[in-house]
Amino acid sequence: MAGYKRYRKDSPVSYALGITLTFELLRFQPDKVTRVYITPA
């Protein structure tokens, strides 16, 4: 997996760090989610 890139507002990619935000996104806007990365750390 490639590393994270610096967040840019004009980028089509966004990050939801944390399980709560990720679940909310999956629940209310699942069509906008393409991948969810999970790490044991």
Protein backbone atom coordinates (compact mmCIF):
# COMPACT_ATOMS: atom_id res chain seq x y z
CA MET A 1 0.00 0.00 0.00
CA ALA A 2 1.25 3.46 -0.84
CA GLY A 3 1.74 5.98 1.94
CA TYR A 4 -0.64 8.78 2.72
CA LYS A 5 -0.33 11.96 0.73
CA ARG A 6 -0.80 15.40 2.21
CA TYR A 7 -4.49 16.34 2.29
CA ARG A 8 -5.57 18.90 -0.30
CA LYS A 9 -9.05 20.41 -0.47
CA ASP A 10 -9.14 20.20 -4.28
CA SER A 11 -8.23 16.50 -4.30
CA PRO A 12 -10.92 13.91 -5.15
CA VAL A 13 -9.57 11.79 -2.26
CA SER A 14 -10.55 12.30 1.36
CA TYR A 15 -9.69 10.57 4.63
CA ALA A 16 -11.90 9.58 7.54
CA LEU A 17 -9.56 8.77 10.39
CA GLY A 18 -11.24 6.74 13.10
CA ILE A 19 -13.89 4.10 13.16
CA THR A 20 -16.78 6.39 14.11
CA LEU A 21 -16.33 8.71 11.13
CA THR A 22 -15.81 5.76 8.81
CA PHE A 23 -19.02 4.04 9.97
CA GLU A 24 -20.98 7.27 9.59
CA LEU A 25 -19.72 7.67 6.03
CA LEU A 26 -20.55 4.05 5.19
CA ARG A 27 -23.99 4.42 6.71
CA PHE A 28 -25.09 7.69 5.12
CA GLN A 29 -23.07 7.96 1.90
CA PRO A 30 -21.90 4.48 0.93
CA ASP A 31 -21.83 5.38 -2.77
CA LYS A 32 -18.89 7.73 -2.08
CA VAL A 33 -16.72 5.05 -0.44
CA THR A 34 -14.31 3.12 -2.66
CA ARG A 35 -11.90 1.67 -0.08
CA VAL A 36 -11.52 1.26 3.65
CA TYR A 37 -8.05 0.56 4.98
CA ILE A 38 -7.77 -1.15 8.35
CA THR A 39 -4.58 -1.61 10.34
CA PRO A 40 -4.10 -3.69 13.48
CA ALA A 41 -2.20 -0.79 15.05
